[in-house]
Amino acid sequence: ILEAEDVKRRDASLRARIKDFLKRALSRIVDYR
C-alpha cells in the first residue's frame, strides 16, 4: 500500500512538472485568450 501511494505521488508530481513545462513552453511561442 505504501509503495502504491508513493508511486501515485511521484506520478502526480511528474504530471505537474510536465504540465508546468508545457505551459511555460507554450507561453514562449504564443499568447492566447
PDB file of all heavy atoms in Angstrom:
ATOM      1  N   ILE A   1       0.837  -1.211   0.000  1.00  0.00           N
ATOM      2  CA  ILE A   1       0.000   0.000   0.000  1.00  0.00           C
ATOM      3  C   ILE A   1       0.864   1.249   0.000  1.00  0.00           C
ATOM      4  O   ILE A   1       0.615   2.201  -0.754  1.00  0.00           O
ATOM      5  CB  ILE A   1      -0.943  -0.007   1.220  1.00  0.00           C
ATOM      6  CG1 ILE A   1      -1.973  -1.138   1.085  1.00  0.00           C
ATOM      7  CG2 ILE A   1      -1.641   1.339   1.367  1.00  0.00           C
ATOM      8  CD1 ILE A   1      -2.827  -1.335   2.315  1.00  0.00           C
ATOM      9  N   LEU A   2       1.912   1.243   0.853  1.00  0.00           N
ATOM     10  CA  LEU A   2       2.802   2.399   0.930  1.00  0.00           C
ATOM     11  C   LEU A   2       3.530   2.624  -0.393  1.00  0.00           C
ATOM     12  O   LEU A   2       3.709   3.760  -0.843  1.00  0.00           O
ATOM     13  CB  LEU A   2       3.813   2.208   2.062  1.00  0.00           C
ATOM     14  CG  LEU A   2       3.236   2.235   3.486  1.00  0.00           C
ATOM     15  CD1 LEU A   2       4.325   1.919   4.514  1.00  0.00           C
ATOM     16  CD2 LEU A   2       2.617   3.605   3.781  1.00  0.00           C
ATOM     17  N   GLU A   3       3.939   1.527  -1.024  1.00  0.00           N
ATOM     18  CA  GLU A   3       4.617   1.631  -2.311  1.00  0.00           C
ATOM     19  C   GLU A   3       3.694   2.186  -3.378  1.00  0.00           C
ATOM     20  O   GLU A   3       4.076   3.022  -4.193  1.00  0.00           O
ATOM     21  CB  GLU A   3       5.136   0.257  -2.734  1.00  0.00           C
ATOM     22  CG  GLU A   3       5.940   0.298  -4.036  1.00  0.00           C
ATOM     23  CD  GLU A   3       6.481  -1.069  -4.421  1.00  0.00           C
ATOM     24  OE1 GLU A   3       6.255  -2.033  -3.661  1.00  0.00           O
ATOM     25  OE2 GLU A   3       7.124  -1.165  -5.483  1.00  0.00           O
ATOM     26  N   ALA A   4       2.438   1.721  -3.360  1.00  0.00           N
ATOM     27  CA  ALA A   4       1.461   2.213  -4.336  1.00  0.00           C
ATOM     28  C   ALA A   4       1.196   3.705  -4.143  1.00  0.00           C
ATOM     29  O   ALA A   4       1.085   4.462  -5.111  1.00  0.00           O
ATOM     30  CB  ALA A   4       0.162   1.420  -4.209  1.00  0.00           C
ATOM     31  N   GLU A   5       1.082   4.140  -2.877  1.00  0.00           N
ATOM     32  CA  GLU A   5       0.861   5.552  -2.596  1.00  0.00           C
ATOM     33  C   GLU A   5       2.048   6.388  -3.052  1.00  0.00           C
ATOM     34  O   GLU A   5       1.895   7.489  -3.572  1.00  0.00           O
ATOM     35  CB  GLU A   5       0.611   5.758  -1.093  1.00  0.00           C
ATOM     36  CG  GLU A   5      -0.708   5.206  -0.597  1.00  0.00           C
ATOM     37  CD  GLU A   5      -1.886   5.906  -1.247  1.00  0.00           C
ATOM     38  OE1 GLU A   5      -1.803   7.133  -1.508  1.00  0.00           O
ATOM     39  OE2 GLU A   5      -2.897   5.231  -1.521  1.00  0.00           O
ATOM     40  N   ASP A   6       3.254   5.850  -2.871  1.00  0.00           N
ATOM     41  CA  ASP A   6       4.458   6.560  -3.302  1.00  0.00           C
ATOM     42  C   ASP A   6       4.485   6.716  -4.815  1.00  0.00           C
ATOM     43  O   ASP A   6       4.861   7.767  -5.345  1.00  0.00           O
ATOM     44  CB  ASP A   6       5.702   5.805  -2.819  1.00  0.00           C
ATOM     45  CG  ASP A   6       6.982   6.556  -3.147  1.00  0.00           C
ATOM     46  OD1 ASP A   6       7.093   7.734  -2.748  1.00  0.00           O
ATOM     47  OD2 ASP A   6       7.856   5.966  -3.809  1.00  0.00           O
ATOM     48  N   VAL A   7       4.083   5.657  -5.516  1.00  0.00           N
ATOM     49  CA  VAL A   7       4.018   5.713  -6.969  1.00  0.00           C
ATOM     50  C   VAL A   7       3.024   6.775  -7.416  1.00  0.00           C
ATOM     51  O   VAL A   7       3.287   7.549  -8.354  1.00  0.00           O
ATOM     52  CB  VAL A   7       3.648   4.337  -7.557  1.00  0.00           C
ATOM     53  CG1 VAL A   7       3.343   4.457  -9.046  1.00  0.00           C
ATOM     54  CG2 VAL A   7       4.765   3.332  -7.333  1.00  0.00           C
ATOM     55  N   LYS A   8       1.874   6.842  -6.750  1.00  0.00           N
ATOM     56  CA  LYS A   8       0.856   7.841  -7.098  1.00  0.00           C
ATOM     57  C   LYS A   8       1.397   9.247  -6.909  1.00  0.00           C
ATOM     58  O   LYS A   8       1.178  10.135  -7.736  1.00  0.00           O
ATOM     59  CB  LYS A   8      -0.395   7.641  -6.240  1.00  0.00           C
ATOM     60  CG  LYS A   8      -1.218   6.427  -6.609  1.00  0.00           C
ATOM     61  CD  LYS A   8      -2.448   6.343  -5.708  1.00  0.00           C
ATOM     62  CE  LYS A   8      -3.293   5.118  -6.045  1.00  0.00           C
ATOM     63  NZ  LYS A   8      -4.490   5.010  -5.158  1.00  0.00           N
ATOM     64  N   ARG A   9       2.110   9.464  -5.791  1.00  0.00           N
ATOM     65  CA  ARG A   9       2.659  10.782  -5.529  1.00  0.00           C
ATOM     66  C   ARG A   9       3.700  11.175  -6.573  1.00  0.00           C
ATOM     67  O   ARG A   9       3.726  12.301  -7.059  1.00  0.00           O
ATOM     68  CB  ARG A   9       3.277  10.833  -4.128  1.00  0.00           C
ATOM     69  CG  ARG A   9       2.264  10.924  -2.991  1.00  0.00           C
ATOM     70  CD  ARG A   9       2.933  11.297  -1.685  1.00  0.00           C
ATOM     71  NE  ARG A   9       3.865  10.259  -1.245  1.00  0.00           N
ATOM     72  CZ  ARG A   9       3.524   9.245  -0.453  1.00  0.00           C
ATOM     73  NH1 ARG A   9       2.272   9.143  -0.028  1.00  0.00           N
ATOM     74  NH2 ARG A   9       4.410   8.349  -0.089  1.00  0.00           N
ATOM     75  N   ARG A  10       4.546  10.209  -6.929  1.00  0.00           N
ATOM     76  CA  ARG A  10       5.562  10.501  -7.935  1.00  0.00           C
ATOM     77  C   ARG A  10       4.929  10.778  -9.299  1.00  0.00           C
ATOM     78  O   ARG A  10       5.365  11.666 -10.035  1.00  0.00           O
ATOM     79  CB  ARG A  10       6.553   9.336  -8.022  1.00  0.00           C
ATOM     80  CG  ARG A  10       7.553   9.304  -6.861  1.00  0.00           C
ATOM     81  CD  ARG A  10       8.537   8.172  -7.022  1.00  0.00           C
ATOM     82  NE  ARG A  10       7.859   6.879  -6.954  1.00  0.00           N
ATOM     83  CZ  ARG A  10       8.468   5.714  -7.143  1.00  0.00           C
ATOM     84  NH1 ARG A  10       9.745   5.668  -7.436  1.00  0.00           N
ATOM     85  NH2 ARG A  10       7.793   4.581  -7.058  1.00  0.00           N
ATOM     86  N   ASP A  11       3.890  10.005  -9.638  1.00  0.00           N
ATOM     87  CA  ASP A  11       3.194  10.226 -10.914  1.00  0.00           C
ATOM     88  C   ASP A  11       2.542  11.603 -10.946  1.00  0.00           C
ATOM     89  O   ASP A  11       2.602  12.312 -11.954  1.00  0.00           O
ATOM     90  CB  ASP A  11       2.137   9.140 -11.136  1.00  0.00           C
ATOM     91  CG  ASP A  11       2.743   7.798 -11.526  1.00  0.00           C
ATOM     92  OD1 ASP A  11       3.948   7.784 -11.834  1.00  0.00           O
ATOM     93  OD2 ASP A  11       2.007   6.793 -11.514  1.00  0.00           O
ATOM     94  N   ALA A  12       1.907  11.965  -9.826  1.00  0.00           N
ATOM     95  CA  ALA A  12       1.248  13.272  -9.749  1.00  0.00           C
ATOM     96  C   ALA A  12       2.271  14.391  -9.872  1.00  0.00           C
ATOM     97  O   ALA A  12       2.041  15.406 -10.554  1.00  0.00           O
ATOM     98  CB  ALA A  12       0.477  13.404  -8.442  1.00  0.00           C
ATOM     99  N   SER A  13       3.423  14.210  -9.218  1.00  0.00           N
ATOM    100  CA  SER A  13       4.480  15.218  -9.286  1.00  0.00           C
ATOM    101  C   SER A  13       5.012  15.333 -10.708  1.00  0.00           C
ATOM    102  O   SER A  13       5.259  16.438 -11.206  1.00  0.00           O
ATOM    103  CB  SER A  13       5.609  14.850  -8.323  1.00  0.00           C
ATOM    104  OG  SER A  13       6.683  15.750  -8.438  1.00  0.00           O
ATOM    105  N   LEU A  14       5.181  14.190 -11.379  1.00  0.00           N
ATOM    106  CA  LEU A  14       5.679  14.202 -12.752  1.00  0.00           C
ATOM    107  C   LEU A  14       4.694  14.898 -13.681  1.00  0.00           C
ATOM    108  O   LEU A  14       5.078  15.708 -14.526  1.00  0.00           O
ATOM    109  CB  LEU A  14       5.935  12.766 -13.223  1.00  0.00           C
ATOM    110  CG  LEU A  14       6.424  12.609 -14.669  1.00  0.00           C
ATOM    111  CD1 LEU A  14       7.742  13.353 -14.868  1.00  0.00           C
ATOM    112  CD2 LEU A  14       6.565  11.126 -15.019  1.00  0.00           C
ATOM    113  N   ARG A  15       3.385  14.585 -13.521  1.00  0.00           N
ATOM    114  CA  ARG A  15       2.369  15.221 -14.361  1.00  0.00           C
ATOM    115  C   ARG A  15       2.360  16.733 -14.155  1.00  0.00           C
ATOM    116  O   ARG A  15       2.214  17.503 -15.106  1.00  0.00           O
ATOM    117  CB  ARG A  15       0.991  14.630 -14.064  1.00  0.00           C
ATOM    118  CG  ARG A  15       0.777  13.227 -14.609  1.00  0.00           C
ATOM    119  CD  ARG A  15      -0.691  12.863 -14.604  1.00  0.00           C
ATOM    120  NE  ARG A  15      -1.240  12.859 -13.257  1.00  0.00           N
ATOM    121  CZ  ARG A  15      -1.256  11.797 -12.463  1.00  0.00           C
ATOM    122  NH1 ARG A  15      -0.756  10.643 -12.892  1.00  0.00           N
ATOM    123  NH2 ARG A  15      -1.779  11.863 -11.247  1.00  0.00           N
ATOM    124  N   ALA A  16       2.519  17.150 -12.897  1.00  0.00           N
ATOM    125  CA  ALA A  16       2.532  18.584 -12.595  1.00  0.00           C
ATOM    126  C   ALA A  16       3.728  19.266 -13.242  1.00  0.00           C
ATOM    127  O   ALA A  16       3.609  20.371 -13.788  1.00  0.00           O
ATOM    128  CB  ALA A  16       2.555  18.798 -11.086  1.00  0.00           C
ATOM    129  N   ARG A  17       4.896  18.595 -13.213  1.00  0.00           N
ATOM    130  CA  ARG A  17       6.094  19.176 -13.824  1.00  0.00           C
ATOM    131  C   ARG A  17       5.952  19.252 -15.339  1.00  0.00           C
ATOM    132  O   ARG A  17       6.357  20.238 -15.964  1.00  0.00           O
ATOM    133  CB  ARG A  17       7.335  18.365 -13.440  1.00  0.00           C
ATOM    134  CG  ARG A  17       7.740  18.503 -11.986  1.00  0.00           C
ATOM    135  CD  ARG A  17       9.189  18.076 -11.780  1.00  0.00           C
ATOM    136  NE  ARG A  17       9.391  16.684 -12.145  1.00  0.00           N
ATOM    137  CZ  ARG A  17       9.263  15.657 -11.317  1.00  0.00           C
ATOM    138  NH1 ARG A  17       8.895  15.876 -10.061  1.00  0.00           N
ATOM    139  NH2 ARG A  17       9.500  14.413 -11.729  1.00  0.00           N
ATOM    140  N   ILE A  18       5.370  18.213 -15.941  1.00  0.00           N
ATOM    141  CA  ILE A  18       5.160  18.220 -17.389  1.00  0.00           C
ATOM    142  C   ILE A  18       4.190  19.334 -17.784  1.00  0.00           C
ATOM    143  O   ILE A  18       4.414  20.062 -18.755  1.00  0.00           O
ATOM    144  CB  ILE A  18       4.643  16.847 -17.874  1.00  0.00           C
ATOM    145  CG1 ILE A  18       5.742  15.780 -17.704  1.00  0.00           C
ATOM    146  CG2 ILE A  18       4.190  16.916 -19.332  1.00  0.00           C
ATOM    147  CD1 ILE A  18       5.267  14.375 -17.993  1.00  0.00           C
ATOM    148  N   LYS A  19       3.103  19.453 -17.031  1.00  0.00           N
ATOM    149  CA  LYS A  19       2.106  20.490 -17.314  1.00  0.00           C
ATOM    150  C   LYS A  19       2.729  21.877 -17.204  1.00  0.00           C
ATOM    151  O   LYS A  19       2.493  22.751 -18.050  1.00  0.00           O
ATOM    152  CB  LYS A  19       0.932  20.353 -16.341  1.00  0.00           C
ATOM    153  CG  LYS A  19      -0.196  21.331 -16.589  1.00  0.00           C
ATOM    154  CD  LYS A  19      -1.338  21.094 -15.616  1.00  0.00           C
ATOM    155  CE  LYS A  19      -2.473  22.077 -15.861  1.00  0.00           C
ATOM    156  NZ  LYS A  19      -3.591  21.851 -14.912  1.00  0.00           N
ATOM    157  N   ASP A  20       3.543  22.076 -16.165  1.00  0.00           N
ATOM    158  CA  ASP A  20       4.194  23.377 -15.984  1.00  0.00           C
ATOM    159  C   ASP A  20       5.178  23.650 -17.124  1.00  0.00           C
ATOM    160  O   ASP A  20       5.252  24.761 -17.639  1.00  0.00           O
ATOM    161  CB  ASP A  20       4.920  23.401 -14.634  1.00  0.00           C
ATOM    162  CG  ASP A  20       5.593  24.742 -14.370  1.00  0.00           C
ATOM    163  OD1 ASP A  20       4.877  25.750 -14.273  1.00  0.00           O
ATOM    164  OD2 ASP A  20       6.837  24.770 -14.276  1.00  0.00           O
ATOM    165  N   PHE A  21       5.924  22.611 -17.526  1.00  0.00           N
ATOM    166  CA  PHE A  21       6.875  22.775 -18.624  1.00  0.00           C
ATOM    167  C   PHE A  21       6.165  23.155 -19.921  1.00  0.00           C
ATOM    168  O   PHE A  21       6.584  24.071 -20.633  1.00  0.00           O
ATOM    169  CB  PHE A  21       7.672  21.481 -18.822  1.00  0.00           C
ATOM    170  CG  PHE A  21       8.507  21.481 -20.072  1.00  0.00           C
ATOM    171  CD1 PHE A  21       9.712  22.158 -20.118  1.00  0.00           C
ATOM    172  CD2 PHE A  21       8.073  20.808 -21.215  1.00  0.00           C
ATOM    173  CE1 PHE A  21      10.483  22.180 -21.283  1.00  0.00           C
ATOM    174  CE2 PHE A  21       8.836  20.811 -22.373  1.00  0.00           C
ATOM    175  CZ  PHE A  21      10.046  21.496 -22.407  1.00  0.00           C
ATOM    176  N   LEU A  22       5.066  22.446 -20.227  1.00  0.00           N
ATOM    177  CA  LEU A  22       4.331  22.735 -21.454  1.00  0.00           C
ATOM    178  C   LEU A  22       3.729  24.134 -21.428  1.00  0.00           C
ATOM    179  O   LEU A  22       3.717  24.844 -22.439  1.00  0.00           O
ATOM    180  CB  LEU A  22       3.234  21.686 -21.663  1.00  0.00           C
ATOM    181  CG  LEU A  22       3.711  20.271 -21.999  1.00  0.00           C
ATOM    182  CD1 LEU A  22       2.528  19.314 -22.035  1.00  0.00           C
ATOM    183  CD2 LEU A  22       4.460  20.247 -23.325  1.00  0.00           C
ATOM    184  N   LYS A  23       3.234  24.517 -20.252  1.00  0.00           N
ATOM    185  CA  LYS A  23       2.633  25.838 -20.125  1.00  0.00           C
ATOM    186  C   LYS A  23       3.674  26.929 -20.363  1.00  0.00           C
ATOM    187  O   LYS A  23       3.426  27.900 -21.077  1.00  0.00           O
ATOM    188  CB  LYS A  23       2.013  25.991 -18.736  1.00  0.00           C
ATOM    189  CG  LYS A  23       1.264  27.295 -18.531  1.00  0.00           C
ATOM    190  CD  LYS A  23       0.611  27.323 -17.155  1.00  0.00           C
ATOM    191  CE  LYS A  23      -0.145  28.628 -16.943  1.00  0.00           C
ATOM    192  NZ  LYS A  23      -0.794  28.667 -15.613  1.00  0.00           N
ATOM    193  N   ARG A  24       4.864  26.748 -19.776  1.00  0.00           N
ATOM    194  CA  ARG A  24       5.918  27.745 -19.959  1.00  0.00           C
ATOM    195  C   ARG A  24       6.437  27.748 -21.393  1.00  0.00           C
ATOM    196  O   ARG A  24       6.718  28.800 -21.960  1.00  0.00           O
ATOM    197  CB  ARG A  24       7.060  27.488 -18.969  1.00  0.00           C
ATOM    198  CG  ARG A  24       6.711  27.882 -17.537  1.00  0.00           C
ATOM    199  CD  ARG A  24       7.893  27.797 -16.583  1.00  0.00           C
ATOM    200  NE  ARG A  24       8.221  26.419 -16.261  1.00  0.00           N
ATOM    201  CZ  ARG A  24       9.295  25.775 -16.691  1.00  0.00           C
ATOM    202  NH1 ARG A  24      10.146  26.388 -17.494  1.00  0.00           N
ATOM    203  NH2 ARG A  24       9.530  24.533 -16.331  1.00  0.00           N
ATOM    204  N   ALA A  25       6.528  26.552 -21.981  1.00  0.00           N
ATOM    205  CA  ALA A  25       6.998  26.473 -23.360  1.00  0.00           C
ATOM    206  C   ALA A  25       6.012  27.133 -24.317  1.00  0.00           C
ATOM    207  O   ALA A  25       6.399  27.867 -25.227  1.00  0.00           O
ATOM    208  CB  ALA A  25       7.217  25.011 -23.745  1.00  0.00           C
ATOM    209  N   LEU A  26       4.712  26.874 -24.095  1.00  0.00           N
ATOM    210  CA  LEU A  26       3.685  27.452 -24.955  1.00  0.00           C
ATOM    211  C   LEU A  26       3.659  28.966 -24.829  1.00  0.00           C
ATOM    212  O   LEU A  26       3.476  29.677 -25.823  1.00  0.00           O
ATOM    213  CB  LEU A  26       2.316  26.866 -24.602  1.00  0.00           C
ATOM    214  CG  LEU A  26       1.136  27.314 -25.461  1.00  0.00           C
ATOM    215  CD1 LEU A  26       1.346  26.873 -26.899  1.00  0.00           C
ATOM    216  CD2 LEU A  26      -0.162  26.742 -24.915  1.00  0.00           C
ATOM    217  N   SER A  27       3.859  29.454 -23.601  1.00  0.00           N
ATOM    218  CA  SER A  27       3.819  30.903 -23.394  1.00  0.00           C
ATOM    219  C   SER A  27       4.953  31.608 -24.117  1.00  0.00           C
ATOM    220  O   SER A  27       4.860  32.796 -24.439  1.00  0.00           O
ATOM    221  CB  SER A  27       3.877  31.220 -21.903  1.00  0.00           C
ATOM    222  OG  SER A  27       5.139  30.891 -21.353  1.00  0.00           O
ATOM    223  N   ARG A  28       6.049  30.892 -24.398  1.00  0.00           N
ATOM    224  CA  ARG A  28       7.150  31.487 -25.134  1.00  0.00           C
ATOM    225  C   ARG A  28       6.848  31.552 -26.634  1.00  0.00           C
ATOM    226  O   ARG A  28       7.443  32.344 -27.357  1.00  0.00           O
ATOM    227  CB  ARG A  28       8.433  30.683 -24.911  1.00  0.00           C
ATOM    228  CG  ARG A  28       8.964  30.767 -23.487  1.00  0.00           C
ATOM    229  CD  ARG A  28      10.189  29.887 -23.295  1.00  0.00           C
ATOM    230  NE  ARG A  28      10.679  29.953 -21.930  1.00  0.00           N
ATOM    231  CZ  ARG A  28      11.536  30.851 -21.480  1.00  0.00           C
ATOM    232  NH1 ARG A  28      12.004  31.762 -22.310  1.00  0.00           N
ATOM    233  NH2 ARG A  28      11.942  30.833 -20.231  1.00  0.00           N
ATOM    234  N   ILE A  29       5.951  30.697 -27.087  1.00  0.00           N
ATOM    235  CA  ILE A  29       5.633  30.640 -28.512  1.00  0.00           C
ATOM    236  C   ILE A  29       4.425  31.506 -28.856  1.00  0.00           C
ATOM    237  O   ILE A  29       4.439  32.280 -29.801  1.00  0.00           O
ATOM    238  CB  ILE A  29       5.362  29.178 -28.938  1.00  0.00           C
ATOM    239  CG1 ILE A  29       6.594  28.310 -28.634  1.00  0.00           C
ATOM    240  CG2 ILE A  29       4.991  29.098 -30.411  1.00  0.00           C
ATOM    241  CD1 ILE A  29       6.348  26.841 -28.823  1.00  0.00           C
ATOM    242  N   VAL A  30       3.360  31.380 -28.073  1.00  0.00           N
ATOM    243  CA  VAL A  30       2.130  32.112 -28.365  1.00  0.00           C
ATOM    244  C   VAL A  30       1.513  32.682 -27.096  1.00  0.00           C
ATOM    245  O   VAL A  30       1.746  32.195 -25.991  1.00  0.00           O
ATOM    246  CB  VAL A  30       1.072  31.205 -29.046  1.00  0.00           C
ATOM    247  CG1 VAL A  30       1.560  30.682 -30.368  1.00  0.00           C
ATOM    248  CG2 VAL A  30       0.657  30.070 -28.120  1.00  0.00           C
ATOM    249  N   ASP A  31       0.767  33.746 -27.276  1.00  0.00           N
ATOM    250  CA  ASP A  31      -0.156  34.232 -26.265  1.00  0.00           C
ATOM    251  C   ASP A  31      -1.550  33.800 -26.709  1.00  0.00           C
ATOM    252  O   ASP A  31      -1.804  33.644 -27.908  1.00  0.00           O
ATOM    253  CB  ASP A  31      -0.093  35.756 -26.156  1.00  0.00           C
ATOM    254  CG  ASP A  31       1.216  36.221 -25.548  1.00  0.00           C
ATOM    255  OD1 ASP A  31       1.765  35.489 -24.711  1.00  0.00           O
ATOM    256  OD2 ASP A  31       1.687  37.310 -25.935  1.00  0.00           O
ATOM    257  N   TYR A  32      -2.424  33.613 -25.780  1.00  0.00           N
ATOM    258  CA  TYR A  32      -3.774  33.208 -26.169  1.00  0.00           C
ATOM    259  C   TYR A  32      -4.797  33.808 -25.216  1.00  0.00           C
ATOM    260  O   TYR A  32      -4.498  34.138 -24.067  1.00  0.00           O
ATOM    261  CB  TYR A  32      -3.903  31.680 -26.176  1.00  0.00           C
ATOM    262  CG  TYR A  32      -3.894  31.053 -24.799  1.00  0.00           C
ATOM    263  CD1 TYR A  32      -5.083  30.794 -24.117  1.00  0.00           C
ATOM    264  CD2 TYR A  32      -2.693  30.727 -24.170  1.00  0.00           C
ATOM    265  CE1 TYR A  32      -5.079  30.231 -22.859  1.00  0.00           C
ATOM    266  CE2 TYR A  32      -2.684  30.161 -22.910  1.00  0.00           C
ATOM    267  CZ  TYR A  32      -3.880  29.916 -22.258  1.00  0.00           C
ATOM    268  OH  TYR A  32      -3.877  29.372 -20.996  1.00  0.00           O
ATOM    269  N   ARG A  33      -6.014  33.956 -25.731  1.00  0.00           N
ATOM    270  CA  ARG A  33      -7.164  34.383 -24.925  1.00  0.00           C
ATOM    271  C   ARG A  33      -8.351  33.531 -25.354  1.00  0.00           C
ATOM    272  O   ARG A  33      -8.671  33.468 -26.535  1.00  0.00           O
ATOM    273  CB  ARG A  33      -7.473  35.868 -25.145  1.00  0.00           C
ATOM    274  CG  ARG A  33      -6.393  36.822 -24.681  1.00  0.00           C
ATOM    275  CD  ARG A  33      -6.880  38.264 -24.665  1.00  0.00           C
ATOM    276  NE  ARG A  33      -7.099  38.792 -25.986  1.00  0.00           N
ATOM    277  CZ  ARG A  33      -6.323  39.702 -26.579  1.00  0.00           C
ATOM    278  NH1 ARG A  33      -5.233  40.143 -25.968  1.00  0.00           N
ATOM    279  NH2 ARG A  33      -6.611  40.156 -27.783  1.00  0.00           N
TER     280      ARG A  33
END
